[in-house]
Amino acid sequence: MEKYIGEIAKQVPTISPDTLGEDVNDIFEKNKYIEGVVVLSSDQKPVGLITKIQFYQALGKRYGYALYMRRPIKILIEDMPLIVDYGTPILEASKLSMKRKQENLYDYIIISQNDKYYGVVSIRVLLLKISEIRVIDAKYSNPLTGLPGNQKIEEKLKELLSKEKYSILYFDLDNFKAYNDLYGFKNGDGILQATGKIIKENVFIHAGSNSFVGHIGGDDFIALFLHYNYEDVCKSICKEFNIRIKEFYNQMDRARGYIITDNRHGVKEKFPIMTISIAVVTNREYKYNSIEEISESAAIMKKKCKEVWNSCYCDGIVCNL
């Protein structure tokens, strides 16, 4: 499955700014199915776009034929086309294309590589590819939260092993089972949906939009990003979770700070208001060679987190509240 906009690019004819209008007309006559031509500088950098609609609208104006057919096309160039790099993610390119003026929404997206012209992507092709991506994402997403599931998570973890820097955050909820037993699965599902949203929003805000957030299953989540700036991510998630989680308890349980329900042995027990634990694994001090090694480190961090009776994150050095 293609990930980058350059992977779905195609070639269309290119011209120089000094190409005559009559030559552009010949190009359109010979290429019935293209929507435009790209204007290149002498060093093959894209500098503009001439769309078929724009060209023939200009010719159709009073004296248009006389004005434009024998003159250089540079007087008609759309000099602010959308130009994106080959390695731009398809969904990001789509967002950029939708921010254009209404009259330019359906123009080609011009693709460059190393600042040179590479090709174009039509909006039709882009929308079809996005639709395909959405279908595949839905297939491998957790149905409750809509976040990517285990297959996508495993793919991302394998990719991460070769990166220079990365941080992996494993999340799970403390006392979730006890809550589910007392309040029921519907309310428990509401907490999982809210937790997924809290994690995703805070990760993207503090770690960057290129980060990845997945739902392993149950009350276990994961986030991945290519730097070590995880402290603000963890602190913001813990802070928001501690505020939002109280909405899911009744007034009496909120006031006393715990619920009373059966433990695994059928004995009544007090369980504190739910908290979130975050196990942090990075390759700053140790190079991991497999997902299994990462999982083992995460299990150790997770155990340390569980020893703290508050929402916290543990990075192997200290557990932080």
Protein backbone atom coordinates (compact mmCIF):
# COMPACT_ATOMS: atom_id res chain seq x y z
CA MET A 1 0.00 0.00 0.00
CA GLU A 2 1.39 3.38 -1.01
CA LYS A 3 2.17 5.75 1.85
CA TYR A 4 3.72 8.74 0.10
CA ILE A 5 2.21 11.09 -2.46
CA GLY A 6 5.09 10.52 -4.89
CA GLU A 7 4.21 6.84 -5.16
CA ILE A 8 0.95 7.65 -6.97
CA ALA A 9 2.33 10.41 -9.22
CA LYS A 10 2.07 10.28 -13.01
CA GLN A 11 3.77 12.19 -15.81
CA VAL A 12 2.14 14.96 -17.84
CA PRO A 13 3.72 17.18 -20.51
CA THR A 14 5.91 20.01 -19.26
CA ILE A 15 6.64 23.39 -20.85
CA SER A 16 8.88 26.39 -20.26
CA PRO A 17 7.55 29.86 -19.40
CA ASP A 18 8.39 30.96 -22.95
CA THR A 19 6.32 28.27 -24.67
CA LEU A 20 3.79 29.89 -27.01
CA GLY A 21 0.07 29.57 -26.42
CA GLU A 22 -0.41 27.81 -29.75
CA ASP A 23 2.05 25.11 -28.67
CA VAL A 24 0.15 24.61 -25.42
CA ASN A 25 -3.02 24.30 -27.48
CA ASP A 26 -1.35 21.57 -29.57
CA ILE A 27 -0.41 19.70 -26.38
CA PHE A 28 -3.99 19.77 -25.14
CA GLU A 29 -5.31 18.72 -28.54
CA LYS A 30 -2.98 15.71 -28.63
CA ASN A 31 -3.51 14.75 -24.96
CA LYS A 32 -7.27 14.72 -24.46
CA TYR A 33 -7.18 13.21 -20.98
CA ILE A 34 -4.72 15.51 -19.22
CA GLU A 35 -6.04 18.34 -17.05
CA GLY A 36 -3.03 20.61 -17.28
CA VAL A 37 0.66 21.06 -18.04
CA VAL A 38 3.46 21.90 -15.61
CA VAL A 39 5.73 24.86 -16.21
CA LEU A 40 9.41 24.20 -15.45
CA SER A 41 12.36 26.55 -15.07
CA SER A 42 15.58 25.92 -16.98
CA ASP A 43 16.88 23.80 -14.08
CA GLN A 44 13.75 21.57 -14.09
CA LYS A 45 12.13 23.08 -11.02
CA PRO A 46 8.33 23.44 -11.14
CA VAL A 47 7.37 27.12 -11.23
CA GLY A 48 3.77 27.05 -12.36
CA LEU A 49 0.76 25.23 -13.72
CA ILE A 50 -1.46 25.83 -16.77
CA THR A 51 -4.77 24.02 -16.44
CA LYS A 52 -6.84 23.16 -19.49
CA ILE A 53 -9.86 24.99 -18.07
CA GLN A 54 -7.81 28.09 -17.29
CA PHE A 55 -6.24 28.09 -20.77
CA TYR A 56 -9.47 27.78 -22.74
CA GLN A 57 -11.29 30.26 -20.52
CA ALA A 58 -8.59 32.80 -21.37
CA LEU A 59 -8.90 32.02 -25.10
CA GLY A 60 -12.67 32.39 -24.92
CA LYS A 61 -12.53 35.97 -23.67
CA ARG A 62 -12.84 38.88 -26.07
CA TYR A 63 -9.63 39.06 -28.11
CA GLY A 64 -8.34 36.09 -26.08
CA TYR A 65 -7.33 34.07 -29.11
CA ALA A 66 -5.32 36.95 -30.53
CA LEU A 67 -3.81 37.81 -27.16
CA TYR A 68 -2.58 34.39 -26.06
CA MET A 69 -2.01 32.08 -29.03
CA ARG A 70 1.15 33.83 -30.33
CA ARG A 71 2.51 35.02 -27.00
CA PRO A 72 4.54 33.20 -24.28
CA ILE A 73 2.39 31.25 -21.87
CA LYS A 74 4.05 32.87 -18.84
CA ILE A 75 1.36 35.57 -18.89
CA LEU A 76 -1.21 32.90 -17.98
CA ILE A 77 0.83 30.86 -15.48
CA GLU A 78 -0.83 29.93 -12.20
CA ASP A 79 2.27 30.84 -10.19
CA MET A 80 1.05 29.56 -6.81
CA PRO A 81 0.35 25.88 -7.50
CA LEU A 82 0.52 23.31 -4.71
CA ILE A 83 3.96 21.69 -4.84
CA VAL A 84 4.75 18.93 -2.34
CA ASP A 85 7.73 16.68 -1.84
CA TYR A 86 7.68 13.04 -2.99
CA GLY A 87 7.90 11.87 0.65
CA THR A 88 4.83 13.76 1.89
CA PRO A 89 2.31 11.32 3.42
CA ILE A 90 -0.78 10.96 1.25
CA LEU A 91 -3.20 12.10 3.96
CA GLU A 92 -1.08 15.17 4.73
CA ALA A 93 -1.00 16.08 1.03
CA SER A 94 -4.78 15.74 0.97
CA LYS A 95 -5.15 18.22 3.83
CA LEU A 96 -2.90 20.71 2.03
CA SER A 97 -4.89 20.35 -1.19
CA MET A 98 -8.18 21.06 0.59
CA LYS A 99 -6.81 24.34 1.97
CA ARG A 100 -6.49 25.85 -1.51
CA LYS A 101 -8.82 28.47 -2.90
CA GLN A 102 -12.13 27.17 -4.22
CA GLU A 103 -11.14 27.81 -7.83
CA ASN A 104 -7.94 25.76 -7.40
CA LEU A 105 -9.33 22.79 -5.49
CA TYR A 106 -9.27 20.43 -8.47
CA ASP A 107 -5.92 21.49 -9.92
CA TYR A 108 -3.08 18.99 -10.11
CA ILE A 109 -0.84 18.59 -7.10
CA ILE A 110 2.73 18.94 -8.40
CA ILE A 111 5.28 16.50 -6.95
CA SER A 112 8.95 17.38 -6.59
CA GLN A 113 11.92 15.26 -5.56
CA ASN A 114 15.19 16.92 -4.55
CA ASP A 115 13.58 20.20 -5.70
CA LYS A 116 13.18 18.87 -9.26
CA TYR A 117 9.91 18.10 -11.02
CA TYR A 118 8.80 14.49 -10.53
CA GLY A 119 5.16 14.28 -11.63
CA VAL A 120 1.59 15.23 -10.73
CA VAL A 121 -1.34 13.76 -8.82
CA SER A 122 -4.91 14.54 -9.81
CA ILE A 123 -7.55 15.08 -7.13
CA ARG A 124 -9.52 12.14 -8.52
CA VAL A 125 -6.58 9.77 -8.03
CA LEU A 126 -5.88 11.26 -4.60
CA LEU A 127 -9.48 10.78 -3.41
CA LEU A 128 -9.57 7.19 -4.67
CA LYS A 129 -6.32 6.42 -2.85
CA ILE A 130 -7.57 8.02 0.37
CA SER A 131 -10.75 5.95 0.15
CA GLU A 132 -8.63 2.82 -0.24
CA ILE A 133 -6.49 3.80 2.74
CA ARG A 134 -9.59 4.40 4.88
CA VAL A 135 -10.99 0.97 4.02
CA ILE A 136 -7.72 -0.75 4.93
CA ASP A 137 -7.34 1.30 8.12
CA ALA A 138 -10.87 0.35 9.19
CA LYS A 139 -10.11 -3.32 8.55
CA TYR A 140 -7.14 -3.27 10.92
CA SER A 141 -8.47 -0.80 13.49
CA ASN A 142 -9.95 -1.48 16.89
CA PRO A 143 -13.74 -1.21 16.41
CA LEU A 144 -14.25 0.48 19.77
CA THR A 145 -11.71 3.32 19.54
CA GLY A 146 -11.00 3.39 15.80
CA LEU A 147 -7.26 3.33 16.57
CA PRO A 148 -4.93 0.99 14.66
CA GLY A 149 -4.87 -2.55 16.09
CA ASN A 150 -2.19 -5.18 16.63
CA GLN A 151 -1.24 -5.86 13.01
CA LYS A 152 -0.49 -2.19 12.34
CA ILE A 153 1.20 -1.83 15.73
CA GLU A 154 3.56 -4.71 14.97
CA GLU A 155 4.41 -3.20 11.56
CA LYS A 156 5.22 0.15 13.17
CA LEU A 157 7.36 -1.45 15.89
CA LYS A 158 9.39 -3.34 13.29
CA GLU A 159 9.95 -0.11 11.36
CA LEU A 160 11.03 1.61 14.56
CA LEU A 161 13.89 -0.80 15.25
CA SER A 162 15.98 0.71 12.46
CA LYS A 163 15.44 4.34 13.47
CA GLU A 164 18.13 6.50 15.06
CA LYS A 165 15.89 7.76 17.87
CA TYR A 166 12.54 6.60 19.17
CA SER A 167 10.29 6.52 22.21
CA ILE A 168 7.58 3.96 22.89
CA LEU A 169 4.86 4.59 25.45
CA TYR A 170 2.77 1.69 26.75
CA PHE A 171 -0.41 2.72 28.55
CA ASP A 172 -2.73 0.74 30.75
CA LEU A 173 -5.42 1.58 33.30
CA ASP A 174 -5.21 0.69 36.98
CA ASN A 175 -8.36 -0.81 38.56
CA PHE A 176 -10.18 -0.98 35.22
CA LYS A 177 -11.50 -4.52 35.79
CA ALA A 178 -12.98 -3.61 39.16
CA TYR A 179 -14.72 -0.63 37.58
CA ASN A 180 -16.11 -2.82 34.79
CA ASP A 181 -17.45 -5.34 37.30
CA LEU A 182 -19.30 -2.64 39.23
CA TYR A 183 -20.37 -0.13 36.55
CA GLY A 184 -20.77 -2.51 33.62
CA PHE A 185 -19.09 -2.94 30.23
CA LYS A 186 -20.94 -0.05 28.57
CA ASN A 187 -19.45 2.45 30.97
CA GLY A 188 -16.10 0.66 30.70
CA ASP A 189 -16.21 1.05 26.91
CA GLY A 190 -16.85 4.77 27.39
CA ILE A 191 -13.67 5.02 29.44
CA LEU A 192 -11.65 3.21 26.76
CA GLN A 193 -12.97 5.53 24.05
CA ALA A 194 -12.19 8.61 26.15
CA THR A 195 -8.73 7.27 27.01
CA GLY A 196 -7.91 6.62 23.36
CA LYS A 197 -8.93 10.18 22.51
CA ILE A 198 -6.91 11.68 25.39
CA ILE A 199 -3.80 9.75 24.35
CA LYS A 200 -4.13 10.51 20.65
CA GLU A 201 -4.76 14.23 21.06
CA ASN A 202 -1.96 14.79 23.59
CA VAL A 203 0.56 12.68 21.66
CA PHE A 204 -0.11 14.58 18.43
CA ILE A 205 0.01 17.97 20.20
CA HIS A 206 3.19 17.36 22.22
CA ALA A 207 5.06 14.76 20.14
CA GLY A 208 4.04 15.78 16.62
CA SER A 209 1.45 14.79 14.02
CA ASN A 210 3.77 12.12 12.58
CA SER A 211 3.50 10.12 15.80
CA PHE A 212 1.58 6.84 15.93
CA VAL A 213 -1.08 5.82 18.46
CA GLY A 214 -2.55 2.32 18.59
CA HIS A 215 -4.97 0.28 20.69
CA ILE A 216 -3.44 -3.05 21.67
CA GLY A 217 -6.70 -4.26 23.18
CA GLY A 218 -8.70 -3.93 26.39
CA ASP A 219 -7.21 -1.11 28.45
CA ASP A 220 -3.78 -1.30 26.76
CA PHE A 221 -2.64 1.41 24.34
CA ILE A 222 0.66 2.34 22.67
CA ALA A 223 2.28 5.46 21.19
CA LEU A 224 5.45 5.74 19.07
CA PHE A 225 7.50 8.76 17.96
CA LEU A 226 10.99 9.50 16.66
CA HIS A 227 12.49 11.57 19.48
CA TYR A 228 13.00 11.47 23.25
CA ASN A 229 10.72 14.33 24.27
CA TYR A 230 8.21 12.15 26.08
CA GLU A 231 7.98 13.99 29.41
CA ASP A 232 5.43 16.60 28.31
CA VAL A 233 3.41 13.91 26.52
CA CYS A 234 3.20 11.77 29.64
CA LYS A 235 2.50 14.66 32.02
CA SER A 236 -0.28 16.07 29.87
CA ILE A 237 -1.94 12.66 29.48
CA CYS A 238 -1.78 11.94 33.23
CA LYS A 239 -3.15 15.37 34.06
CA GLU A 240 -6.08 15.19 31.63
CA PHE A 241 -6.88 11.57 32.49
CA ASN A 242 -7.05 12.37 36.23
CA ILE A 243 -9.59 15.10 35.52
CA ARG A 244 -11.70 13.26 32.93
CA ILE A 245 -11.89 9.91 34.71
CA LYS A 246 -13.97 11.33 37.57
CA GLU A 247 -16.82 11.96 35.12
CA PHE A 248 -17.32 8.19 34.91
CA TYR A 249 -18.00 7.70 38.64
CA ASN A 250 -21.10 8.58 40.61
CA GLN A 251 -21.04 11.39 43.16
CA MET A 252 -20.57 9.13 46.18
CA ASP A 253 -17.61 7.21 44.70
CA ARG A 254 -15.98 10.44 43.56
CA ALA A 255 -16.32 11.96 47.02
CA ARG A 256 -14.75 9.03 48.87
CA GLY A 257 -12.15 8.29 46.19
CA TYR A 258 -12.81 4.58 45.78
CA ILE A 259 -15.40 1.94 44.88
CA ILE A 260 -16.32 -1.21 46.74
CA THR A 261 -16.72 -4.42 44.74
CA ASP A 262 -15.68 -8.08 44.75
CA ASN A 263 -12.04 -8.89 44.11
CA ARG A 264 -10.98 -11.98 42.12
CA HIS A 265 -11.62 -14.13 45.20
CA GLY A 266 -15.17 -12.88 45.65
CA VAL A 267 -14.29 -10.78 48.69
CA LYS A 268 -15.46 -7.17 48.99
CA GLU A 269 -12.56 -4.76 48.54
CA LYS A 270 -11.89 -1.06 48.11
CA PHE A 271 -10.51 -0.05 44.71
CA PRO A 272 -9.23 3.53 44.22
CA ILE A 273 -10.46 5.79 41.42
CA MET A 274 -8.85 4.63 38.18
CA THR A 275 -5.38 5.90 37.25
CA ILE A 276 -3.20 5.53 34.15
CA SER A 277 0.27 3.95 34.06
CA ILE A 278 2.73 4.75 31.27
CA ALA A 279 5.76 2.54 30.65
CA VAL A 280 8.41 4.39 28.62
CA VAL A 281 10.94 2.55 26.44
CA THR A 282 13.57 4.38 24.33
CA ASN A 283 16.74 3.46 22.47
CA ARG A 284 18.69 6.30 24.09
CA GLU A 285 20.76 3.97 26.28
CA TYR A 286 20.18 0.57 24.69
CA LYS A 287 19.74 -0.67 21.11
CA TYR A 288 16.86 -3.13 20.88
CA ASN A 289 17.09 -5.91 18.31
CA SER A 290 13.54 -7.25 18.46
CA ILE A 291 9.99 -6.43 19.47
CA GLU A 292 10.30 -9.11 22.17
CA GLU A 293 13.15 -7.21 23.83
CA ILE A 294 11.08 -4.02 23.78
CA SER A 295 8.13 -5.86 25.34
CA GLU A 296 10.34 -7.22 28.13
CA SER A 297 11.62 -3.74 29.00
CA ALA A 298 8.09 -2.36 28.88
CA ALA A 299 6.90 -5.06 31.30
CA ILE A 300 9.58 -4.01 33.79
CA MET A 301 8.64 -0.33 33.48
CA LYS A 302 4.97 -1.20 33.79
CA LYS A 303 5.57 -3.14 37.00
CA LYS A 304 7.36 -0.15 38.53
CA CYS A 305 4.48 2.12 37.54
CA LYS A 306 1.98 -0.17 39.22
CA GLU A 307 3.83 0.28 42.50
CA VAL A 308 2.82 3.95 42.48
CA TRP A 309 -0.78 4.58 43.51
CA ASN A 310 -1.27 7.49 41.15
CA SER A 311 -1.20 8.19 37.44
CA CYS A 312 2.47 8.18 36.49
CA TYR A 313 5.08 7.34 33.86
CA CYS A 314 8.21 5.29 34.38
CA ASP A 315 11.29 5.56 32.13
CA GLY A 316 13.63 3.19 33.94
CA ILE A 317 15.22 5.84 36.08
CA VAL A 318 12.34 7.06 38.19
CA CYS A 319 8.56 6.96 38.20
CA ASN A 320 7.21 10.47 37.72
CA LEU A 321 3.84 11.70 38.91
